[in-house]
Amino acid sequence: MPQLEVATVVAGGPAAVPPVDGEPCVLIKLGEVVLKGKNRERFERRLADNLRDAVRPIARVDVIRRHGVMVVRTKDATVEKVDALAERITDVMGIVWAHRAWRVGKDPESVERAALELMAGREGTFAVRSRRRDKRFPLTSTELDRKVGAAIGDRYGLKVRLKDPDHTVSIEIDRDEAFVFSGGLPGQGGLPVGMSGRGLVLMSGGIDSPVAAYRMMRRGLRVDYLHFSGMPFTGPESIYKAYALVRELDRFQGGSRLFVVPFGKAQQQIKSSGADRLAVIAQRRLMLRTGEVLARRLGAGTLITGDALGQVSSQTLTNITALDDAVEMPILRPLIGMDKSEIMDQARRVRTLAISELPDEDCCTLLAPRRAETRARIDDLRQIEKRLDVGELADQLAESVQEHRPVYGDAAA
């Protein structure tokens, strides 16, 4: 293990702390994965694979599974590299906390040196919290807290405060080593992407569908994206937005695919069919049909939309029922009970809001009637679709898709 020198502390104070005989690493705390019983090993294997894929641009890592935690290690580890790994790891679904930790020998002296390193240069109050997963360690948790706390107080003159301290030094004694850390980075929680199957997100350029995609990735779905452009009657701006949104969301799963369908001529056909106030619902039914054709080709088991009940006229309960009638595949609507302010707050946290608010020409408003039907009748919609031969039209649209692969962090894309 590398010997890392600890910074000298207050001028005129004690001599510098002896070097820490250990290595920096990332200690990961899992969420509901630990509740999976007999299936837990499958979830943890998937999570470990996702972790390695996510951090590959930074470093090749080893992911060691422990009881309730994972340890991410890399060769020639430095504090800076571990910081970068921890930041990236927080985007991986299934993780609750990522702690930048010292991995040290399982003896009180090594633990104490690492704790002193962490507290160098800090001010205010502190507390020490120890947890022994290996009860063979010679000190109890309370004894270790007192030993390390006394060393920190003596060296730095800091006061212990057990309730709401300014800094907390956490110590975890494992089977073969000990981990010492202070603070951590919150993760996304949820389940590892890929454990719940695959879905296809109908991705507009708006605020809602990116949040819907995020929420379903958080539940373990690997998602692809389908965007309907108004081309040739609109410019490519909505495609640029969809690409930028998918690129931002790609950090949660990697390997995202965006499929773009030129939808303008199909919308023109719907308008010419006499759909009138039913045009918006007829368009959305055709989008779902097209999505179902593509989803089956991709091996996806569900469609995902950003519908929220009552948010716009096409999202009344009657109209949502009419949309469900268009396809056999289940449609997931993770935002169905959320209001707009809640969705915007989540879009801001996911970092898609600013992109969604960029101006573009939305295909859903292209050739739309002045007033949309709020209580669409399924029989009327089926008559319109019979005139259009929507089954054939959906197949043609699915054949016309263009595939893009936005990659998170690829600024030149």
Protein backbone atom coordinates (compact mmCIF):
# COMPACT_ATOMS: atom_id res chain seq x y z
CA MET A 1 0.00 0.00 0.00
CA PRO A 2 1.29 3.50 -0.76
CA GLN A 3 2.59 5.63 2.09
CA LEU A 4 0.80 9.00 1.96
CA GLU A 5 2.19 11.81 4.08
CA VAL A 6 -0.28 13.61 6.32
CA ALA A 7 -0.21 17.40 6.30
CA THR A 8 1.48 19.12 9.24
CA VAL A 9 -1.09 20.85 11.45
CA VAL A 10 -1.26 24.03 13.49
CA ALA A 11 2.03 25.96 13.53
CA GLY A 12 3.86 25.41 16.79
CA GLY A 13 1.75 22.36 17.53
CA PRO A 14 2.73 18.70 17.65
CA ALA A 15 4.90 17.10 14.98
CA ALA A 16 3.35 15.91 11.76
CA VAL A 17 1.21 12.79 11.94
CA PRO A 18 3.04 9.65 10.78
CA PRO A 19 2.21 8.63 7.19
CA VAL A 20 -1.02 6.71 6.63
CA ASP A 21 -0.27 3.11 5.71
CA GLY A 22 -3.25 2.68 3.40
CA GLU A 23 -4.89 3.67 0.17
CA PRO A 24 -7.75 5.95 -0.84
CA CYS A 25 -10.82 4.15 -2.18
CA VAL A 26 -14.58 4.58 -2.54
CA LEU A 27 -16.83 2.85 -0.03
CA ILE A 28 -20.35 2.45 -1.40
CA LYS A 29 -23.54 2.02 0.63
CA LEU A 30 -26.41 0.20 -1.05
CA GLY A 31 -30.11 0.93 -0.72
CA GLU A 32 -32.98 -1.46 -1.32
CA VAL A 33 -30.63 -3.90 -3.06
CA VAL A 34 -29.80 -5.27 0.41
CA LEU A 35 -33.46 -6.25 0.87
CA LYS A 36 -33.56 -8.60 -2.12
CA GLY A 37 -33.07 -11.85 -0.20
CA LYS A 38 -32.11 -14.79 -2.40
CA ASN A 39 -31.92 -12.56 -5.49
CA ARG A 40 -29.55 -10.13 -3.88
CA GLU A 41 -26.43 -11.59 -5.46
CA ARG A 42 -27.87 -11.02 -8.96
CA PHE A 43 -28.61 -7.38 -8.14
CA GLU A 44 -25.14 -6.84 -6.71
CA ARG A 45 -23.45 -8.43 -9.73
CA ARG A 46 -25.40 -6.16 -12.06
CA LEU A 47 -24.56 -3.15 -9.93
CA ALA A 48 -20.86 -4.03 -9.96
CA ASP A 49 -20.93 -4.34 -13.76
CA ASN A 50 -22.69 -0.97 -14.05
CA LEU A 51 -20.10 0.62 -11.76
CA ARG A 52 -17.18 -0.63 -13.83
CA ASP A 53 -18.80 0.61 -17.04
CA ALA A 54 -19.58 4.05 -15.59
CA VAL A 55 -16.05 4.79 -14.35
CA ARG A 56 -14.12 3.21 -17.23
CA PRO A 57 -13.18 6.63 -18.73
CA ILE A 58 -11.58 7.53 -15.38
CA ALA A 59 -9.89 4.30 -14.35
CA ARG A 60 -10.08 0.53 -14.45
CA VAL A 61 -11.38 -0.54 -11.08
CA ASP A 62 -11.96 -3.57 -8.92
CA VAL A 63 -15.36 -3.76 -7.24
CA ILE A 64 -15.28 -5.85 -4.07
CA ARG A 65 -18.60 -6.89 -2.59
CA ARG A 66 -19.02 -6.95 1.16
CA HIS A 67 -22.04 -7.43 3.42
CA GLY A 68 -24.14 -4.35 2.71
CA VAL A 69 -21.33 -2.33 1.08
CA MET A 70 -19.08 -2.34 -1.95
CA VAL A 71 -15.50 -1.15 -2.22
CA VAL A 72 -14.15 0.41 -5.41
CA ARG A 73 -10.35 0.23 -5.73
CA THR A 74 -7.97 1.16 -8.51
CA LYS A 75 -4.25 0.75 -9.10
CA ASP A 76 -2.04 3.73 -8.31
CA ALA A 77 -4.91 5.37 -6.44
CA THR A 78 -4.56 9.04 -5.59
CA VAL A 79 -6.90 11.26 -3.62
CA GLU A 80 -7.71 13.20 -6.80
CA LYS A 81 -8.55 10.06 -8.78
CA VAL A 82 -10.73 8.72 -5.97
CA ASP A 83 -12.56 12.06 -5.80
CA ALA A 84 -13.34 11.77 -9.53
CA LEU A 85 -14.48 8.16 -9.13
CA ALA A 86 -16.78 9.04 -6.23
CA GLU A 87 -18.39 11.89 -8.18
CA ARG A 88 -19.09 9.62 -11.15
CA ILE A 89 -20.31 6.75 -9.00
CA THR A 90 -23.10 8.88 -7.52
CA ASP A 91 -24.89 8.74 -10.89
CA VAL A 92 -25.07 4.93 -10.86
CA MET A 93 -28.54 3.71 -9.91
CA GLY A 94 -28.75 1.51 -6.82
CA ILE A 95 -26.28 3.46 -4.68
CA VAL A 96 -27.31 5.52 -1.65
CA TRP A 97 -23.93 6.93 -0.56
CA ALA A 98 -20.42 7.10 -2.00
CA HIS A 99 -17.77 7.73 0.66
CA ARG A 100 -14.21 8.76 -0.23
CA ALA A 101 -12.43 6.60 2.33
CA TRP A 102 -9.04 5.45 3.55
CA ARG A 103 -8.60 1.68 3.36
CA VAL A 104 -6.15 0.86 6.15
CA GLY A 105 -4.85 -2.04 8.19
CA LYS A 106 -7.20 -3.56 10.73
CA ASP A 107 -5.43 -2.28 13.82
CA PRO A 108 -6.15 0.69 16.11
CA GLU A 109 -2.96 2.56 15.19
CA SER A 110 -3.68 2.55 11.43
CA VAL A 111 -7.25 3.66 12.05
CA GLU A 112 -6.05 6.50 14.28
CA ARG A 113 -3.53 7.77 11.72
CA ALA A 114 -6.17 7.82 8.99
CA ALA A 115 -8.63 9.68 11.23
CA LEU A 116 -5.99 12.30 12.02
CA GLU A 117 -5.34 12.71 8.30
CA LEU A 118 -9.02 13.33 7.62
CA MET A 119 -9.34 15.96 10.35
CA ALA A 120 -6.18 17.92 9.46
CA GLY A 121 -6.99 21.59 8.91
CA ARG A 122 -10.63 21.36 10.01
CA GLU A 123 -12.34 23.58 12.54
CA GLY A 124 -15.39 23.24 14.75
CA THR A 125 -16.77 20.27 16.65
CA PHE A 126 -16.52 16.60 15.76
CA ALA A 127 -17.71 13.11 16.64
CA VAL A 128 -16.36 9.63 15.94
CA ARG A 129 -18.74 6.83 14.94
CA SER A 130 -17.42 3.28 14.69
CA ARG A 131 -19.02 0.12 13.38
CA ARG A 132 -17.47 -3.33 13.73
CA ARG A 133 -18.62 -5.78 11.11
CA ASP A 134 -15.84 -8.07 12.39
CA LYS A 135 -16.25 -8.57 16.15
CA ARG A 136 -12.73 -10.01 16.43
CA PHE A 137 -11.30 -6.50 16.43
CA PRO A 138 -9.59 -5.93 19.81
CA LEU A 139 -11.57 -2.78 20.72
CA THR A 140 -15.31 -2.36 20.97
CA SER A 141 -16.94 0.38 18.92
CA THR A 142 -17.20 2.60 22.01
CA GLU A 143 -13.56 2.04 22.95
CA LEU A 144 -12.41 2.83 19.42
CA ASP A 145 -14.54 6.00 19.36
CA ARG A 146 -12.90 7.18 22.57
CA LYS A 147 -9.36 6.33 21.46
CA VAL A 148 -9.64 8.07 18.10
CA GLY A 149 -11.62 10.99 19.54
CA ALA A 150 -8.96 11.59 22.20
CA ALA A 151 -6.19 11.56 19.57
CA ILE A 152 -8.02 14.12 17.42
CA GLY A 153 -8.77 16.34 20.41
CA ASP A 154 -5.20 16.23 21.68
CA ARG A 155 -3.62 16.97 18.33
CA TYR A 156 -5.97 19.61 16.94
CA GLY A 157 -7.65 21.02 20.05
CA LEU A 158 -11.12 20.32 18.66
CA LYS A 159 -14.16 19.76 20.88
CA VAL A 160 -16.28 16.59 20.81
CA ARG A 161 -19.97 17.10 20.16
CA LEU A 162 -22.03 13.94 19.78
CA LYS A 163 -25.22 15.66 18.63
CA ASP A 164 -25.03 17.56 15.31
CA PRO A 165 -21.23 17.88 15.13
CA ASP A 166 -19.60 19.93 12.39
CA HIS A 167 -17.61 16.86 11.29
CA THR A 168 -18.14 13.13 11.74
CA VAL A 169 -15.32 10.62 11.43
CA SER A 170 -16.78 7.25 10.47
CA ILE A 171 -14.88 4.00 11.03
CA GLU A 172 -15.95 0.62 9.70
CA ILE A 173 -14.07 -2.52 10.68
CA ASP A 174 -14.38 -5.18 7.99
CA ARG A 175 -13.11 -8.74 7.69
CA ASP A 176 -9.68 -7.92 6.28
CA GLU A 177 -9.30 -4.15 6.61
CA ALA A 178 -10.74 -0.99 8.10
CA PHE A 179 -12.27 2.01 6.37
CA VAL A 180 -12.10 5.54 7.70
CA PHE A 181 -14.04 8.42 6.11
CA SER A 182 -15.75 11.70 6.81
CA GLY A 183 -18.88 12.77 5.00
CA GLY A 184 -20.02 11.39 1.67
CA LEU A 185 -21.84 12.06 -1.57
CA PRO A 186 -25.54 11.09 -1.87
CA GLY A 187 -26.38 8.68 -4.66
CA GLN A 188 -29.50 8.09 -6.74
CA GLY A 189 -30.89 5.14 -4.78
CA GLY A 190 -33.25 2.78 -6.57
CA LEU A 191 -32.26 -0.40 -8.39
CA PRO A 192 -29.39 -1.17 -10.77
CA VAL A 193 -30.25 -0.33 -14.37
CA GLY A 194 -31.04 -3.48 -16.32
CA MET A 195 -32.53 -5.51 -13.48
CA SER A 196 -36.14 -4.71 -14.44
CA GLY A 197 -35.92 -5.23 -18.19
CA ARG A 198 -35.99 -2.75 -21.06
CA GLY A 199 -38.37 0.05 -22.01
CA LEU A 200 -38.83 2.61 -24.77
CA VAL A 201 -39.39 6.25 -23.77
CA LEU A 202 -41.45 8.51 -26.03
CA MET A 203 -39.12 11.49 -25.74
CA SER A 204 -40.42 14.93 -26.60
CA GLY A 205 -38.31 18.04 -26.21
CA GLY A 206 -40.32 19.04 -23.15
CA ILE A 207 -39.82 18.85 -19.40
CA ASP A 208 -41.85 15.74 -18.56
CA SER A 209 -40.52 12.83 -20.62
CA PRO A 210 -36.86 13.15 -19.48
CA VAL A 211 -38.03 13.01 -15.86
CA ALA A 212 -40.18 9.97 -16.67
CA ALA A 213 -37.11 8.30 -18.21
CA TYR A 214 -35.02 9.07 -15.11
CA ARG A 215 -37.64 7.66 -12.75
CA MET A 216 -37.89 4.40 -14.70
CA MET A 217 -34.11 3.99 -14.90
CA ARG A 218 -34.13 4.43 -11.14
CA ARG A 219 -36.51 1.46 -10.95
CA GLY A 220 -34.05 -0.72 -12.86
CA LEU A 221 -35.25 -0.32 -16.44
CA ARG A 222 -32.73 0.13 -19.23
CA VAL A 223 -34.36 2.57 -21.64
CA ASP A 224 -34.06 3.64 -25.25
CA TYR A 225 -35.65 6.82 -26.58
CA LEU A 226 -38.01 7.55 -29.48
CA HIS A 227 -38.44 11.14 -30.68
CA PHE A 228 -41.02 12.31 -33.24
CA SER A 229 -39.85 15.27 -35.28
CA GLY A 230 -42.17 17.53 -37.27
CA MET A 231 -39.84 17.32 -40.25
CA PRO A 232 -40.11 18.06 -43.14
CA PHE A 233 -42.42 20.87 -41.93
CA THR A 234 -40.18 21.95 -39.05
CA GLY A 235 -36.47 22.44 -38.60
CA PRO A 236 -34.12 20.08 -36.75
CA GLU A 237 -34.18 22.02 -33.47
CA SER A 238 -36.34 19.47 -31.64
CA ILE A 239 -33.93 16.71 -32.67
CA TYR A 240 -31.01 18.70 -31.25
CA LYS A 241 -32.90 19.08 -27.99
CA ALA A 242 -33.81 15.40 -27.80
CA TYR A 243 -30.18 14.50 -28.49
CA ALA A 244 -28.94 16.83 -25.74
CA LEU A 245 -31.49 15.46 -23.27
CA VAL A 246 -30.58 11.85 -23.97
CA ARG A 247 -26.88 12.69 -23.71
CA GLU A 248 -27.46 14.17 -20.23
CA LEU A 249 -29.57 11.21 -19.13
CA ASP A 250 -26.99 8.77 -20.47
CA ARG A 251 -24.88 9.28 -17.35
CA PHE A 252 -27.39 7.16 -15.43
CA GLN A 253 -27.08 4.06 -17.63
CA GLY A 254 -24.61 4.43 -20.53
CA GLY A 255 -25.14 3.05 -24.01
CA SER A 256 -28.32 5.08 -24.63
CA ARG A 257 -29.93 5.01 -28.07
CA LEU A 258 -32.10 7.74 -29.57
CA PHE A 259 -34.40 6.89 -32.47
CA VAL A 260 -35.85 9.78 -34.50
CA VAL A 261 -38.94 9.52 -36.72
CA PRO A 262 -39.90 12.26 -39.24
CA PHE A 263 -43.56 12.61 -38.33
CA GLY A 264 -44.73 15.70 -40.24
CA LYS A 265 -46.29 13.94 -43.23
CA ALA A 266 -48.16 11.49 -40.98
CA GLN A 267 -49.58 14.45 -39.07
CA GLN A 268 -50.68 15.98 -42.36
CA GLN A 269 -52.50 12.76 -43.23
CA ILE A 270 -54.29 12.79 -39.88
CA LYS A 271 -55.40 16.39 -40.43
CA SER A 272 -56.64 15.55 -43.92
CA SER A 273 -58.63 12.58 -42.57
CA GLY A 274 -61.16 14.88 -40.91
CA ALA A 275 -59.99 14.12 -37.38
CA ASP A 276 -60.64 17.75 -36.35
CA ARG A 277 -60.69 17.97 -32.52
CA LEU A 278 -59.54 14.35 -32.27
CA ALA A 279 -56.33 15.08 -34.19
CA VAL A 280 -54.09 15.35 -31.11
CA ILE A 281 -55.29 12.04 -29.66
CA ALA A 282 -55.09 10.38 -33.07
CA GLN A 283 -51.50 11.60 -33.41
CA ARG A 284 -50.57 10.27 -29.99
CA ARG A 285 -52.19 6.90 -30.71
CA LEU A 286 -50.12 6.66 -33.89
CA MET A 287 -46.98 7.53 -31.93
CA LEU A 288 -47.74 4.75 -29.46
CA ARG A 289 -48.39 2.27 -32.27
CA THR A 290 -45.09 3.22 -33.89
CA GLY A 291 -43.36 2.95 -30.53
CA GLU A 292 -44.83 -0.51 -29.99
CA VAL A 293 -43.50 -1.74 -33.35
CA LEU A 294 -40.03 -0.38 -32.58
CA ALA A 295 -40.08 -1.60 -28.96
CA ARG A 296 -40.76 -5.16 -30.04
CA ARG A 297 -37.82 -5.02 -32.45
CA LEU A 298 -35.58 -3.75 -29.64
CA GLY A 299 -36.72 -6.37 -27.15
CA ALA A 300 -38.42 -3.78 -24.92
CA GLY A 301 -41.38 -4.84 -22.83
CA THR A 302 -43.04 -1.48 -22.17
CA LEU A 303 -43.56 2.06 -23.44
CA ILE A 304 -42.92 5.04 -21.14
CA THR A 305 -44.52 8.47 -21.42
CA GLY A 306 -44.43 11.69 -19.41
CA ASP A 307 -48.21 11.92 -18.99
CA ALA A 308 -49.49 13.55 -15.81
CA LEU A 309 -53.19 13.30 -15.11
CA GLY A 310 -55.06 16.50 -16.01
CA GLN A 311 -51.96 18.49 -16.96
CA VAL A 312 -53.14 19.19 -20.51
CA SER A 313 -56.31 18.42 -22.45
CA SER A 314 -54.92 15.22 -23.97
CA GLN A 315 -54.20 13.84 -20.50
CA THR A 316 -57.70 13.58 -19.09
CA LEU A 317 -58.66 10.17 -17.73
CA THR A 318 -60.92 9.53 -20.74
CA ASN A 319 -58.18 10.41 -23.20
CA ILE A 320 -55.56 8.36 -21.36
CA THR A 321 -57.92 5.39 -21.58
CA ALA A 322 -58.25 6.02 -25.31
CA LEU A 323 -54.47 6.07 -25.67
CA ASP A 324 -54.10 2.77 -23.81
CA ASP A 325 -56.51 1.21 -26.30
CA ALA A 326 -54.11 1.90 -29.20
CA VAL A 327 -51.52 -0.73 -28.21
CA GLU A 328 -51.27 -4.09 -26.50
CA MET A 329 -47.97 -3.28 -24.81
CA PRO A 330 -48.21 -1.80 -21.29
CA ILE A 331 -47.64 1.95 -20.99
CA LEU A 332 -45.85 3.18 -17.87
CA ARG A 333 -46.58 6.73 -16.71
CA PRO A 334 -44.32 7.42 -13.71
CA LEU A 335 -45.42 11.07 -13.48
CA ILE A 336 -49.15 10.36 -13.48
CA GLY A 337 -49.79 11.76 -9.98
CA MET A 338 -47.26 14.61 -9.99
CA ASP A 339 -47.98 18.29 -10.54
CA LYS A 340 -45.91 20.53 -12.79
CA SER A 341 -43.88 22.14 -10.02
CA GLU A 342 -42.83 18.71 -8.69
CA ILE A 343 -41.80 17.60 -12.18
CA MET A 344 -39.82 20.79 -12.74
CA ASP A 345 -38.03 20.38 -9.41
CA GLN A 346 -36.96 16.87 -10.38
CA ALA A 347 -35.93 18.01 -13.87
CA ARG A 348 -33.73 20.64 -12.22
CA ARG A 349 -32.08 17.99 -10.02
CA VAL A 350 -31.55 15.68 -12.99
CA ARG A 351 -30.07 18.62 -14.96
CA THR A 352 -32.50 18.42 -17.89
CA LEU A 353 -34.67 21.46 -17.14
CA ALA A 354 -32.45 24.05 -18.82
CA ILE A 355 -32.27 21.95 -21.99
CA SER A 356 -36.02 21.34 -22.05
CA GLU A 357 -36.71 25.08 -21.78
CA LEU A 358 -34.75 25.87 -24.94
CA PRO A 359 -37.07 27.01 -27.77
CA ASP A 360 -38.04 24.61 -30.54
CA GLU A 361 -41.02 23.74 -32.71
CA ASP A 362 -42.83 20.82 -31.09
CA CYS A 363 -44.33 18.33 -33.53
CA CYS A 364 -47.30 17.79 -31.17
CA THR A 365 -48.55 21.32 -31.88
CA LEU A 366 -47.91 21.10 -35.61
CA LEU A 367 -51.18 21.03 -37.58
CA ALA A 368 -53.09 20.68 -34.29
CA PRO A 369 -56.70 21.93 -34.00
CA ARG A 370 -57.47 25.15 -32.13
CA ARG A 371 -59.37 23.13 -29.53
CA ALA A 372 -58.57 19.55 -28.60
CA GLU A 373 -61.11 16.95 -27.48
CA THR A 374 -61.01 16.20 -23.76
CA ARG A 375 -63.38 13.21 -23.87
CA ALA A 376 -62.30 11.25 -26.92
CA ARG A 377 -64.45 8.29 -27.93
CA ILE A 378 -62.50 5.19 -28.84
CA ASP A 379 -64.95 4.18 -31.61
CA ASP A 380 -64.50 7.55 -33.33
CA LEU A 381 -60.71 7.21 -33.17
CA ARG A 382 -60.87 3.71 -34.62
CA GLN A 383 -62.90 4.98 -37.56
CA ILE A 384 -60.25 7.62 -38.30
CA GLU A 385 -57.50 5.00 -38.04
CA LYS A 386 -59.40 2.66 -40.38
CA ARG A 387 -59.42 5.36 -43.05
CA LEU A 388 -55.68 5.91 -42.55
CA ASP A 389 -54.68 2.21 -42.30
CA VAL A 390 -52.65 3.09 -39.22
CA GLY A 391 -51.17 -0.38 -38.88
CA GLU A 392 -49.37 0.00 -42.18
CA LEU A 393 -48.53 3.63 -41.40
CA ALA A 394 -46.98 2.70 -38.04
CA ASP A 395 -44.83 0.05 -39.72
CA GLN A 396 -43.63 2.59 -42.28
CA LEU A 397 -42.78 5.11 -39.59
CA ALA A 398 -40.88 2.50 -37.58
CA GLU A 399 -38.88 1.65 -40.72
CA SER A 400 -37.97 5.31 -41.20
CA VAL A 401 -36.20 5.73 -37.83
CA GLN A 402 -32.70 7.14 -37.65
CA GLU A 403 -30.57 5.87 -34.78
CA HIS A 404 -28.23 8.09 -32.75
CA ARG A 405 -26.01 7.20 -29.79
CA PRO A 406 -25.56 10.23 -27.54
CA VAL A 407 -22.73 9.68 -25.05
CA TYR A 408 -22.60 11.46 -21.71
CA GLY A 409 -19.61 13.78 -21.50
CA ASP A 410 -19.11 13.91 -25.26
CA ALA A 411 -19.22 17.69 -25.66
CA ALA A 412 -18.40 17.49 -29.34
CA ALA A 413 -21.48 15.39 -30.12
